[in-house]
């Protein structure tokens, strides 16, 4: 029995992750879900957050993702999202600065502020920081 699943994380710009995993944790609108081999078919709405990829040797990779959809069928997991960034590629200082800017925009609201967009930017910045911190902990 093969306990692996094939995972793809894709944005409009291209494939961000394409590989085998023994488990994947995905942020969905109703909470995170864990996917293992032979998971029941599933379609769901992906929320801004961190995808945790567990490999057969127990090592983990993390990818910060924006909103999108996931399809799980026959040990194939395809995550189609607006944004995705592998933890190793995240500039933590830039993510912290983006969070600060988003919080300032929300605190000092102007009449022309797009609140939904500002809140989405805040959630993306926090997710990017979370992914980077999770990756750093794995190396400690």
N, C-alpha and C. Protein backbone atom coordinates (compact mmCIF):
# COMPACT_ATOMS: atom_id res chain seq x y z
N UNK A 1 0.85 -1.19 0.00
CA UNK A 1 0.00 0.00 0.00
C UNK A 1 0.89 1.25 0.00
N UNK A 2 0.61 2.18 -0.89
CA UNK A 2 1.36 3.43 -0.99
C UNK A 2 0.67 4.46 -0.11
N UNK A 3 1.40 5.01 0.86
CA UNK A 3 0.83 5.98 1.78
C UNK A 3 1.17 7.41 1.38
N UNK A 4 1.45 7.62 0.10
CA UNK A 4 1.78 8.96 -0.36
C UNK A 4 0.64 9.56 -1.16
N UNK A 5 0.64 10.87 -1.16
CA UNK A 5 -0.30 11.61 -1.99
C UNK A 5 0.50 12.58 -2.85
N UNK A 6 -0.03 12.89 -4.00
CA UNK A 6 0.60 13.87 -4.88
C UNK A 6 -0.05 15.21 -4.62
N UNK A 7 0.76 16.21 -4.31
CA UNK A 7 0.26 17.55 -3.98
C UNK A 7 0.77 18.55 -4.99
N UNK A 8 -0.16 19.39 -5.46
CA UNK A 8 0.20 20.54 -6.29
C UNK A 8 -0.43 21.78 -5.67
N UNK A 9 0.37 22.83 -5.55
CA UNK A 9 -0.13 24.14 -5.16
C UNK A 9 0.15 25.06 -6.34
N UNK A 10 -0.93 25.63 -6.89
CA UNK A 10 -0.82 26.39 -8.14
C UNK A 10 -1.47 27.76 -7.99
N UNK A 11 -0.80 28.78 -8.55
CA UNK A 11 -1.37 30.12 -8.66
C UNK A 11 -1.48 30.45 -10.15
N UNK A 12 -2.02 31.60 -10.46
CA UNK A 12 -2.12 32.04 -11.86
C UNK A 12 -0.72 32.21 -12.47
N UNK A 13 0.29 32.44 -11.64
CA UNK A 13 1.66 32.61 -12.12
C UNK A 13 2.37 31.29 -12.36
N UNK A 14 1.81 30.19 -11.84
CA UNK A 14 2.43 28.90 -12.08
C UNK A 14 2.41 28.00 -10.86
N UNK A 15 3.14 26.90 -10.97
CA UNK A 15 3.20 25.89 -9.92
C UNK A 15 4.18 26.34 -8.83
N UNK A 16 3.71 26.36 -7.60
CA UNK A 16 4.54 26.75 -6.46
C UNK A 16 5.10 25.51 -5.76
N UNK A 17 4.32 24.42 -5.76
CA UNK A 17 4.77 23.17 -5.16
C UNK A 17 4.20 22.02 -5.97
N UNK A 18 5.03 21.02 -6.22
CA UNK A 18 4.59 19.82 -6.94
C UNK A 18 5.44 18.66 -6.44
N UNK A 19 4.83 17.81 -5.62
CA UNK A 19 5.60 16.71 -5.07
C UNK A 19 4.76 15.73 -4.29
N UNK A 20 5.43 14.75 -3.71
CA UNK A 20 4.79 13.72 -2.91
C UNK A 20 4.80 14.13 -1.43
N UNK A 21 3.77 13.69 -0.71
CA UNK A 21 3.67 13.94 0.72
C UNK A 21 2.98 12.76 1.38
N UNK A 22 3.20 12.63 2.67
CA UNK A 22 2.47 11.59 3.40
C UNK A 22 1.25 12.18 4.07
N UNK A 23 1.25 13.51 4.27
CA UNK A 23 0.09 14.20 4.85
C UNK A 23 0.14 15.67 4.46
N UNK A 24 -1.03 16.28 4.35
CA UNK A 24 -1.13 17.70 4.04
C UNK A 24 -2.21 18.30 4.93
N UNK A 25 -1.91 19.43 5.57
CA UNK A 25 -2.91 20.16 6.34
C UNK A 25 -3.21 21.44 5.57
N UNK A 26 -4.51 21.68 5.33
CA UNK A 26 -4.95 22.77 4.46
C UNK A 26 -5.92 23.67 5.23
N UNK A 27 -5.72 25.00 5.19
CA UNK A 27 -6.67 25.90 5.85
C UNK A 27 -7.93 26.07 5.00
N UNK A 28 -9.07 25.67 5.54
CA UNK A 28 -10.35 25.83 4.83
C UNK A 28 -11.21 26.84 5.57
N UNK A 29 -12.29 27.28 4.93
CA UNK A 29 -13.18 28.26 5.54
C UNK A 29 -13.70 27.81 6.90
N UNK A 30 -14.00 26.53 7.05
CA UNK A 30 -14.54 26.04 8.32
C UNK A 30 -13.50 25.56 9.29
N UNK A 31 -12.22 25.70 8.99
CA UNK A 31 -11.13 25.21 9.83
C UNK A 31 -10.19 24.37 8.99
N UNK A 32 -9.07 24.02 9.56
CA UNK A 32 -8.08 23.24 8.82
C UNK A 32 -8.51 21.79 8.69
N UNK A 33 -8.03 21.15 7.61
CA UNK A 33 -8.31 19.75 7.37
C UNK A 33 -7.01 19.03 7.06
N UNK A 34 -6.89 17.83 7.57
CA UNK A 34 -5.73 17.00 7.27
C UNK A 34 -6.10 15.99 6.21
N UNK A 35 -5.21 15.82 5.25
CA UNK A 35 -5.45 14.87 4.16
C UNK A 35 -4.34 13.82 4.19
N UNK A 36 -4.73 12.56 4.22
CA UNK A 36 -3.81 11.43 4.16
C UNK A 36 -4.13 10.62 2.91
N UNK A 37 -3.33 9.62 2.63
CA UNK A 37 -3.58 8.74 1.48
C UNK A 37 -4.98 8.13 1.61
N UNK A 38 -5.61 7.93 0.46
CA UNK A 38 -6.95 7.34 0.37
C UNK A 38 -8.04 8.18 1.03
N UNK A 39 -7.83 9.49 1.09
CA UNK A 39 -8.84 10.41 1.63
C UNK A 39 -10.07 10.39 0.73
N UNK A 40 -11.22 10.58 1.30
CA UNK A 40 -12.46 10.67 0.53
C UNK A 40 -12.39 11.88 -0.40
N UNK A 41 -13.04 11.79 -1.56
CA UNK A 41 -13.07 12.95 -2.46
C UNK A 41 -13.61 14.19 -1.74
N UNK A 42 -13.03 15.33 -2.09
CA UNK A 42 -13.38 16.57 -1.39
C UNK A 42 -13.12 17.75 -2.29
N UNK A 43 -14.01 18.72 -2.25
CA UNK A 43 -13.78 20.05 -2.82
C UNK A 43 -14.07 21.03 -1.70
N UNK A 44 -13.21 22.05 -1.56
CA UNK A 44 -13.42 23.00 -0.49
C UNK A 44 -12.85 24.35 -0.81
N UNK A 45 -13.29 25.34 -0.03
CA UNK A 45 -12.80 26.71 -0.16
C UNK A 45 -11.60 26.90 0.75
N UNK A 46 -10.46 27.20 0.16
CA UNK A 46 -9.23 27.42 0.91
C UNK A 46 -9.24 28.84 1.47
N UNK A 47 -8.84 28.96 2.73
CA UNK A 47 -8.72 30.26 3.38
C UNK A 47 -7.26 30.69 3.40
N UNK A 48 -7.04 31.96 3.59
CA UNK A 48 -5.68 32.46 3.76
C UNK A 48 -5.09 31.79 4.99
N UNK A 49 -3.91 31.21 4.84
CA UNK A 49 -3.28 30.51 5.95
C UNK A 49 -2.03 29.78 5.50
N UNK A 50 -1.70 28.72 6.22
CA UNK A 50 -0.48 27.97 5.95
C UNK A 50 -0.82 26.52 5.61
N UNK A 51 -0.30 26.04 4.48
CA UNK A 51 -0.39 24.63 4.13
C UNK A 51 0.84 23.95 4.71
N UNK A 52 0.59 22.90 5.51
CA UNK A 52 1.68 22.13 6.10
C UNK A 52 1.82 20.83 5.34
N UNK A 53 3.02 20.58 4.82
CA UNK A 53 3.30 19.40 4.01
C UNK A 53 4.23 18.49 4.80
N UNK A 54 3.74 17.28 5.12
CA UNK A 54 4.55 16.32 5.86
C UNK A 54 5.06 15.26 4.89
N UNK A 55 6.37 15.04 4.91
CA UNK A 55 6.99 14.06 4.02
C UNK A 55 7.12 12.71 4.73
N UNK A 56 7.42 11.67 3.97
CA UNK A 56 7.52 10.30 4.49
C UNK A 56 8.55 10.19 5.61
N UNK A 57 9.60 11.00 5.56
CA UNK A 57 10.64 10.93 6.60
C UNK A 57 10.30 11.76 7.84
N UNK A 58 9.10 12.37 7.84
CA UNK A 58 8.66 13.18 8.97
C UNK A 58 9.01 14.65 8.86
N UNK A 59 9.84 15.02 7.89
CA UNK A 59 10.17 16.44 7.71
C UNK A 59 8.94 17.17 7.17
N UNK A 60 8.94 18.48 7.37
CA UNK A 60 7.79 19.29 6.96
C UNK A 60 8.23 20.50 6.17
N UNK A 61 7.36 20.90 5.25
CA UNK A 61 7.51 22.14 4.51
C UNK A 61 6.24 22.95 4.73
N UNK A 62 6.35 24.27 4.59
CA UNK A 62 5.21 25.15 4.83
C UNK A 62 5.09 26.13 3.67
N UNK A 63 3.84 26.37 3.27
CA UNK A 63 3.56 27.33 2.20
C UNK A 63 2.42 28.24 2.64
N UNK A 64 2.65 29.55 2.62
CA UNK A 64 1.61 30.52 2.92
C UNK A 64 0.75 30.65 1.67
N UNK A 65 -0.58 30.53 1.84
CA UNK A 65 -1.48 30.61 0.70
C UNK A 65 -2.57 31.64 0.94
N UNK A 66 -3.10 32.17 -0.17
CA UNK A 66 -4.26 33.04 -0.13
C UNK A 66 -5.50 32.22 -0.40
N UNK A 67 -6.60 32.90 -0.63
CA UNK A 67 -7.86 32.19 -0.85
C UNK A 67 -7.84 31.43 -2.17
N UNK A 68 -8.68 30.39 -2.22
CA UNK A 68 -8.76 29.58 -3.43
C UNK A 68 -9.62 28.36 -3.21
N UNK A 69 -9.31 27.30 -3.92
CA UNK A 69 -10.07 26.05 -3.81
C UNK A 69 -9.11 24.87 -3.75
N UNK A 70 -9.61 23.77 -3.19
CA UNK A 70 -8.84 22.53 -3.15
C UNK A 70 -9.72 21.41 -3.69
N UNK A 71 -9.07 20.50 -4.41
CA UNK A 71 -9.76 19.31 -4.91
C UNK A 71 -8.92 18.11 -4.50
N UNK A 72 -9.56 17.16 -3.84
CA UNK A 72 -8.89 15.93 -3.42
C UNK A 72 -9.62 14.77 -4.08
N UNK A 73 -8.89 13.96 -4.84
CA UNK A 73 -9.46 12.78 -5.47
C UNK A 73 -8.34 11.80 -5.80
N UNK A 74 -8.54 10.55 -5.42
CA UNK A 74 -7.62 9.45 -5.73
C UNK A 74 -6.15 9.81 -5.44
N UNK A 75 -5.88 10.22 -4.22
CA UNK A 75 -4.52 10.55 -3.76
C UNK A 75 -3.87 11.69 -4.53
N UNK A 76 -4.68 12.53 -5.13
CA UNK A 76 -4.22 13.75 -5.80
C UNK A 76 -4.85 14.94 -5.08
N UNK A 77 -4.02 15.84 -4.60
CA UNK A 77 -4.50 17.05 -3.94
C UNK A 77 -4.04 18.23 -4.78
N UNK A 78 -5.00 18.98 -5.30
CA UNK A 78 -4.68 20.18 -6.09
C UNK A 78 -5.26 21.38 -5.38
N UNK A 79 -4.36 22.31 -5.04
CA UNK A 79 -4.76 23.54 -4.37
C UNK A 79 -4.53 24.68 -5.36
N UNK A 80 -5.60 25.34 -5.74
CA UNK A 80 -5.54 26.48 -6.66
C UNK A 80 -5.84 27.74 -5.86
N UNK A 81 -4.85 28.62 -5.73
CA UNK A 81 -5.00 29.79 -4.87
C UNK A 81 -4.52 31.05 -5.58
N UNK A 82 -4.96 32.19 -5.06
CA UNK A 82 -4.54 33.47 -5.65
C UNK A 82 -3.05 33.72 -5.41
N UNK A 83 -2.60 33.41 -4.20
CA UNK A 83 -1.19 33.62 -3.87
C UNK A 83 -0.65 32.42 -3.11
N UNK A 84 0.62 32.15 -3.29
CA UNK A 84 1.29 31.09 -2.54
C UNK A 84 2.78 31.39 -2.51
N UNK A 85 3.37 31.17 -1.34
CA UNK A 85 4.79 31.44 -1.18
C UNK A 85 5.38 30.42 -0.21
N UNK A 86 6.37 29.69 -0.67
CA UNK A 86 7.05 28.73 0.19
C UNK A 86 7.76 29.47 1.31
N UNK A 87 7.75 28.88 2.50
CA UNK A 87 8.31 29.54 3.69
C UNK A 87 9.74 30.01 3.47
N UNK A 88 10.54 29.20 2.78
CA UNK A 88 11.95 29.55 2.57
C UNK A 88 12.13 30.80 1.73
N UNK A 89 11.10 31.16 0.96
CA UNK A 89 11.19 32.32 0.08
C UNK A 89 10.62 33.59 0.71
N UNK A 90 10.09 33.48 1.90
CA UNK A 90 9.43 34.62 2.54
C UNK A 90 10.46 35.53 3.20
N UNK A 91 10.36 36.82 2.89
CA UNK A 91 11.17 37.85 3.53
C UNK A 91 10.40 38.28 4.78
N UNK A 92 10.85 37.81 5.94
CA UNK A 92 10.12 38.04 7.18
C UNK A 92 9.99 39.53 7.50
N UNK A 93 11.04 40.31 7.29
CA UNK A 93 10.98 41.74 7.55
C UNK A 93 9.91 42.41 6.68
N UNK A 94 9.84 41.98 5.44
CA UNK A 94 8.84 42.54 4.52
C UNK A 94 7.43 42.16 4.96
N UNK A 95 7.25 40.94 5.44
CA UNK A 95 5.94 40.49 5.92
C UNK A 95 5.51 41.27 7.17
N UNK A 96 6.46 41.52 8.06
CA UNK A 96 6.16 42.30 9.27
C UNK A 96 5.77 43.72 8.88
N UNK A 97 6.50 44.32 7.94
CA UNK A 97 6.18 45.68 7.49
C UNK A 97 4.81 45.72 6.82
N UNK A 98 4.46 44.69 6.06
CA UNK A 98 3.15 44.63 5.40
C UNK A 98 2.03 44.54 6.44
N UNK A 99 2.26 43.77 7.50
CA UNK A 99 1.26 43.68 8.57
C UNK A 99 1.07 45.05 9.22
N UNK A 100 2.17 45.72 9.49
CA UNK A 100 2.09 47.04 10.13
C UNK A 100 1.31 48.02 9.25
N UNK A 101 1.62 48.03 7.95
CA UNK A 101 0.90 48.93 7.02
C UNK A 101 -0.59 48.62 7.00
N UNK A 102 -0.94 47.34 6.94
CA UNK A 102 -2.35 46.94 6.89
C UNK A 102 -3.07 47.35 8.17
N UNK A 103 -2.42 47.14 9.31
CA UNK A 103 -3.05 47.52 10.59
C UNK A 103 -3.24 49.04 10.67
N UNK A 104 -2.25 49.80 10.20
CA UNK A 104 -2.36 51.26 10.21
C UNK A 104 -3.51 51.71 9.32
N UNK A 105 -3.63 51.11 8.13
CA UNK A 105 -4.74 51.46 7.23
C UNK A 105 -6.07 51.20 7.90
N UNK A 106 -6.19 50.08 8.57
CA UNK A 106 -7.47 49.72 9.22
C UNK A 106 -7.76 50.61 10.42
N UNK A 107 -6.72 51.02 11.15
CA UNK A 107 -6.92 51.88 12.32
C UNK A 107 -7.23 53.31 11.91
N UNK A 108 -6.65 53.78 10.82
CA UNK A 108 -6.83 55.16 10.36
C UNK A 108 -7.68 55.18 9.09
N UNK A 109 -8.85 54.62 9.18
CA UNK A 109 -9.72 54.47 8.00
C UNK A 109 -10.07 55.81 7.37
N UNK A 110 -9.94 55.82 6.06
CA UNK A 110 -10.38 56.96 5.28
C UNK A 110 -11.63 56.53 4.53
N UNK A 111 -12.42 57.48 4.06
CA UNK A 111 -13.67 57.11 3.36
C UNK A 111 -13.46 56.23 2.12
N UNK A 112 -12.30 56.36 1.49
CA UNK A 112 -12.07 55.58 0.27
C UNK A 112 -11.36 54.24 0.53
N UNK A 113 -11.17 53.88 1.81
CA UNK A 113 -10.48 52.62 2.14
C UNK A 113 -11.34 51.42 1.75
N UNK A 114 -10.73 50.50 1.04
CA UNK A 114 -11.36 49.22 0.72
C UNK A 114 -11.07 48.30 1.89
N UNK A 115 -12.01 48.18 2.82
CA UNK A 115 -11.80 47.44 4.06
C UNK A 115 -11.52 45.96 3.78
N UNK A 116 -12.26 45.37 2.87
CA UNK A 116 -12.06 43.96 2.55
C UNK A 116 -10.64 43.71 2.04
N UNK A 117 -10.17 44.59 1.19
CA UNK A 117 -8.82 44.46 0.65
C UNK A 117 -7.76 44.65 1.74
N UNK A 118 -7.98 45.63 2.62
CA UNK A 118 -7.03 45.88 3.71
C UNK A 118 -6.99 44.70 4.68
N UNK A 119 -8.15 44.13 4.98
CA UNK A 119 -8.19 42.96 5.87
C UNK A 119 -7.52 41.75 5.22
N UNK A 120 -7.72 41.59 3.91
CA UNK A 120 -7.07 40.48 3.20
C UNK A 120 -5.55 40.65 3.23
N UNK A 121 -5.07 41.88 3.07
CA UNK A 121 -3.63 42.14 3.13
C UNK A 121 -3.08 41.81 4.51
N UNK A 122 -3.84 42.16 5.55
CA UNK A 122 -3.43 41.85 6.91
C UNK A 122 -3.32 40.34 7.12
N UNK A 123 -4.33 39.59 6.68
CA UNK A 123 -4.32 38.14 6.85
C UNK A 123 -3.18 37.48 6.06
N UNK A 124 -2.91 37.98 4.85
CA UNK A 124 -1.79 37.45 4.05
C UNK A 124 -0.46 37.67 4.77
N UNK A 125 -0.27 38.88 5.30
CA UNK A 125 0.99 39.20 5.98
C UNK A 125 1.17 38.31 7.21
N UNK A 126 0.12 38.09 7.95
CA UNK A 126 0.21 37.24 9.14
C UNK A 126 0.49 35.80 8.74
N UNK A 127 -0.16 35.31 7.69
CA UNK A 127 0.08 33.94 7.22
C UNK A 127 1.51 33.76 6.75
N UNK A 128 2.05 34.75 6.06
CA UNK A 128 3.43 34.67 5.59
C UNK A 128 4.39 34.59 6.78
N UNK A 129 4.12 35.39 7.81
CA UNK A 129 4.96 35.34 9.01
C UNK A 129 4.84 33.97 9.69
N UNK A 130 3.61 33.46 9.80
CA UNK A 130 3.41 32.16 10.44
C UNK A 130 4.18 31.07 9.71
N UNK A 131 4.11 31.06 8.39
CA UNK A 131 4.82 30.04 7.61
C UNK A 131 6.33 30.14 7.83
N UNK A 132 6.84 31.36 7.83
CA UNK A 132 8.28 31.56 8.04
C UNK A 132 8.71 31.10 9.43
N UNK A 133 7.91 31.43 10.44
CA UNK A 133 8.23 31.01 11.81
C UNK A 133 8.15 29.49 11.96
N UNK A 134 7.15 28.87 11.34
CA UNK A 134 7.02 27.41 11.42
C UNK A 134 8.25 26.74 10.78
N UNK A 135 8.69 27.28 9.69
CA UNK A 135 9.87 26.71 9.00
C UNK A 135 11.13 26.88 9.85
N UNK A 136 11.26 28.02 10.52
CA UNK A 136 12.43 28.24 11.36
C UNK A 136 12.44 27.28 12.54
N UNK A 137 11.28 27.02 13.13
CA UNK A 137 11.19 26.10 14.27
C UNK A 137 11.63 24.70 13.88
N UNK A 138 11.37 24.32 12.65
CA UNK A 138 11.73 22.99 12.20
C UNK A 138 13.24 22.83 12.16
N UNK A 139 13.98 23.93 11.99
CA UNK A 139 15.44 23.86 11.90
C UNK A 139 16.14 24.02 13.25
N UNK A 140 15.36 24.25 14.29
CA UNK A 140 15.96 24.45 15.62
C UNK A 140 16.26 23.11 16.26
